[in-house]
Amino acid sequence: MSDAAAVQTQEAPIQVSRKDLPLSCPMPGATLWNMHPRVYLPIEDAPNKEAMCPYCGAHYVLKD
């Protein structure tokens, strides 16, 4: 495998606020093609206020 193939691009973290809690992925309003089983992420209990979806790898950050 080439070095270029091993490099993965990461998207910026998705910032969420307390009004989005309880946080679930996919979030309401996500497009149908992007759906997977809903999972709730306990972001408010995380020490760094970050969570990652085990299905799609979306990275969420609680901004307030």
N, C-alpha and C. Protein backbone atom coordinates (compact mmCIF):
# COMPACT_ATOMS: atom_id res chain seq x y z
N MET A 1 0.85 -1.18 0.00
CA MET A 1 0.00 0.00 0.00
C MET A 1 0.89 1.23 0.00
N SER A 2 0.54 2.18 -0.81
CA SER A 2 1.33 3.40 -0.88
C SER A 2 1.04 4.29 0.32
N ASP A 3 1.95 5.22 0.59
CA ASP A 3 1.76 6.15 1.70
C ASP A 3 0.52 7.01 1.47
N ALA A 4 0.28 7.37 0.23
CA ALA A 4 -0.88 8.21 -0.07
C ALA A 4 -2.18 7.48 0.24
N ALA A 5 -2.22 6.18 -0.01
CA ALA A 5 -3.43 5.41 0.27
C ALA A 5 -3.65 5.24 1.77
N ALA A 6 -2.58 5.27 2.54
CA ALA A 6 -2.70 5.09 3.98
C ALA A 6 -3.17 6.35 4.69
N VAL A 7 -3.02 7.49 4.03
CA VAL A 7 -3.41 8.76 4.65
C VAL A 7 -4.92 8.93 4.51
N GLN A 8 -5.58 9.20 5.63
CA GLN A 8 -7.01 9.44 5.62
C GLN A 8 -7.26 10.88 5.98
N THR A 9 -8.22 11.49 5.32
CA THR A 9 -8.57 12.85 5.67
C THR A 9 -9.60 12.83 6.77
N GLN A 10 -9.51 13.75 7.69
CA GLN A 10 -10.48 13.87 8.77
C GLN A 10 -11.25 15.15 8.58
N GLU A 11 -12.54 15.05 8.78
CA GLU A 11 -13.36 16.24 8.74
C GLU A 11 -13.28 16.95 10.08
N ALA A 12 -13.61 18.21 10.07
CA ALA A 12 -13.60 18.99 11.31
C ALA A 12 -14.65 18.42 12.26
N PRO A 13 -14.42 18.51 13.57
CA PRO A 13 -15.42 18.04 14.53
C PRO A 13 -16.74 18.80 14.37
N ILE A 14 -17.81 18.12 14.65
CA ILE A 14 -19.14 18.73 14.59
C ILE A 14 -19.40 19.36 15.95
N GLN A 15 -19.60 20.66 15.98
CA GLN A 15 -19.86 21.34 17.24
C GLN A 15 -21.34 21.28 17.55
N VAL A 16 -21.64 20.88 18.78
CA VAL A 16 -23.02 20.81 19.25
C VAL A 16 -23.14 21.65 20.51
N SER A 17 -24.37 22.07 20.81
CA SER A 17 -24.61 22.85 22.02
C SER A 17 -25.54 22.07 22.94
N ARG A 18 -25.77 22.59 24.11
CA ARG A 18 -26.63 21.91 25.08
C ARG A 18 -28.05 21.75 24.57
N LYS A 19 -28.48 22.60 23.65
CA LYS A 19 -29.84 22.46 23.09
C LYS A 19 -29.95 21.21 22.22
N ASP A 20 -28.81 20.65 21.79
CA ASP A 20 -28.80 19.43 20.97
C ASP A 20 -28.82 18.15 21.81
N LEU A 21 -28.78 18.30 23.13
CA LEU A 21 -28.75 17.13 24.02
C LEU A 21 -30.15 16.59 24.25
N PRO A 22 -30.34 15.31 24.43
CA PRO A 22 -29.32 14.28 24.35
C PRO A 22 -28.84 14.10 22.91
N LEU A 23 -27.54 13.95 22.77
CA LEU A 23 -26.91 13.86 21.46
C LEU A 23 -27.08 12.45 20.90
N SER A 24 -27.57 12.39 19.68
CA SER A 24 -27.68 11.11 19.00
C SER A 24 -27.07 11.24 17.61
N CYS A 25 -26.57 10.14 17.11
CA CYS A 25 -26.02 10.10 15.76
C CYS A 25 -26.72 8.97 15.03
N PRO A 26 -27.23 9.20 13.85
CA PRO A 26 -27.22 10.46 13.13
C PRO A 26 -28.14 11.49 13.78
N MET A 27 -27.80 12.74 13.57
CA MET A 27 -28.59 13.83 14.15
C MET A 27 -29.88 14.01 13.36
N PRO A 28 -30.90 14.55 13.98
CA PRO A 28 -32.14 14.83 13.25
C PRO A 28 -31.85 15.69 12.02
N GLY A 29 -32.49 15.36 10.94
CA GLY A 29 -32.29 16.11 9.71
C GLY A 29 -31.19 15.57 8.83
N ALA A 30 -30.52 14.50 9.24
CA ALA A 30 -29.47 13.91 8.40
C ALA A 30 -30.11 13.32 7.15
N THR A 31 -29.36 13.34 6.06
CA THR A 31 -29.88 12.79 4.81
C THR A 31 -30.03 11.28 4.90
N LEU A 32 -30.98 10.74 4.18
CA LEU A 32 -31.31 9.33 4.26
C LEU A 32 -30.13 8.42 3.93
N TRP A 33 -29.31 8.79 2.95
CA TRP A 33 -28.20 7.93 2.57
C TRP A 33 -27.16 7.82 3.67
N ASN A 34 -27.18 8.75 4.61
CA ASN A 34 -26.18 8.81 5.67
C ASN A 34 -26.66 8.15 6.96
N MET A 35 -27.75 7.42 6.91
CA MET A 35 -28.34 6.86 8.13
C MET A 35 -27.67 5.55 8.55
N HIS A 36 -27.64 5.35 9.83
CA HIS A 36 -27.25 4.08 10.46
C HIS A 36 -28.10 3.98 11.71
N PRO A 37 -28.08 2.86 12.43
CA PRO A 37 -28.89 2.79 13.66
C PRO A 37 -28.55 3.94 14.60
N ARG A 38 -29.57 4.51 15.21
CA ARG A 38 -29.37 5.65 16.11
C ARG A 38 -28.63 5.18 17.37
N VAL A 39 -27.65 5.95 17.74
CA VAL A 39 -26.89 5.69 18.96
C VAL A 39 -26.81 7.00 19.73
N TYR A 40 -27.04 6.92 21.03
CA TYR A 40 -26.94 8.12 21.88
C TYR A 40 -25.53 8.20 22.45
N LEU A 41 -24.97 9.39 22.38
CA LEU A 41 -23.58 9.62 22.80
C LEU A 41 -23.57 10.49 24.06
N PRO A 42 -23.04 9.97 25.17
CA PRO A 42 -23.03 10.72 26.43
C PRO A 42 -21.93 11.78 26.47
N ILE A 43 -22.02 12.75 25.60
CA ILE A 43 -20.99 13.77 25.46
C ILE A 43 -20.87 14.64 26.71
N GLU A 44 -21.98 14.89 27.39
CA GLU A 44 -21.93 15.77 28.56
C GLU A 44 -21.20 15.13 29.73
N ASP A 45 -21.07 13.80 29.73
CA ASP A 45 -20.36 13.10 30.80
C ASP A 45 -18.88 12.87 30.49
N ALA A 46 -18.49 13.11 29.25
CA ALA A 46 -17.10 12.89 28.85
C ALA A 46 -16.21 13.98 29.46
N PRO A 47 -15.04 13.61 29.96
CA PRO A 47 -14.17 14.62 30.60
C PRO A 47 -13.74 15.74 29.67
N ASN A 48 -13.56 15.45 28.39
CA ASN A 48 -13.13 16.49 27.44
C ASN A 48 -14.29 17.02 26.61
N LYS A 49 -15.53 16.60 26.94
CA LYS A 49 -16.75 17.04 26.24
C LYS A 49 -16.69 16.73 24.75
N GLU A 50 -16.14 15.56 24.41
CA GLU A 50 -16.08 15.09 23.04
C GLU A 50 -16.62 13.67 22.97
N ALA A 51 -17.18 13.30 21.82
CA ALA A 51 -17.68 11.95 21.62
C ALA A 51 -17.50 11.57 20.16
N MET A 52 -17.35 10.27 19.92
CA MET A 52 -17.20 9.78 18.56
C MET A 52 -18.22 8.67 18.32
N CYS A 53 -18.89 8.74 17.18
CA CYS A 53 -19.90 7.74 16.83
C CYS A 53 -19.20 6.42 16.48
N PRO A 54 -19.65 5.31 17.10
CA PRO A 54 -19.03 4.03 16.79
C PRO A 54 -19.40 3.50 15.40
N TYR A 55 -20.45 4.01 14.79
CA TYR A 55 -20.86 3.55 13.46
C TYR A 55 -20.14 4.29 12.34
N CYS A 56 -20.20 5.61 12.36
CA CYS A 56 -19.68 6.38 11.22
C CYS A 56 -18.41 7.15 11.54
N GLY A 57 -18.03 7.20 12.80
CA GLY A 57 -16.80 7.90 13.17
C GLY A 57 -16.94 9.41 13.29
N ALA A 58 -18.17 9.92 13.22
CA ALA A 58 -18.36 11.36 13.37
C ALA A 58 -17.85 11.80 14.74
N HIS A 59 -17.13 12.91 14.75
CA HIS A 59 -16.52 13.43 15.98
C HIS A 59 -17.32 14.66 16.41
N TYR A 60 -17.87 14.61 17.61
CA TYR A 60 -18.69 15.70 18.13
C TYR A 60 -17.96 16.37 19.29
N VAL A 61 -18.12 17.70 19.40
CA VAL A 61 -17.54 18.48 20.48
C VAL A 61 -18.65 19.36 21.06
N LEU A 62 -18.82 19.31 22.38
CA LEU A 62 -19.80 20.16 23.07
C LEU A 62 -19.17 21.53 23.25
N LYS A 63 -19.76 22.55 22.64
CA LYS A 63 -19.13 23.87 22.64
C LYS A 63 -19.53 24.76 23.79
N ASP A 64 -20.57 24.41 24.55
CA ASP A 64 -20.93 25.25 25.71
C ASP A 64 -21.35 24.40 26.88
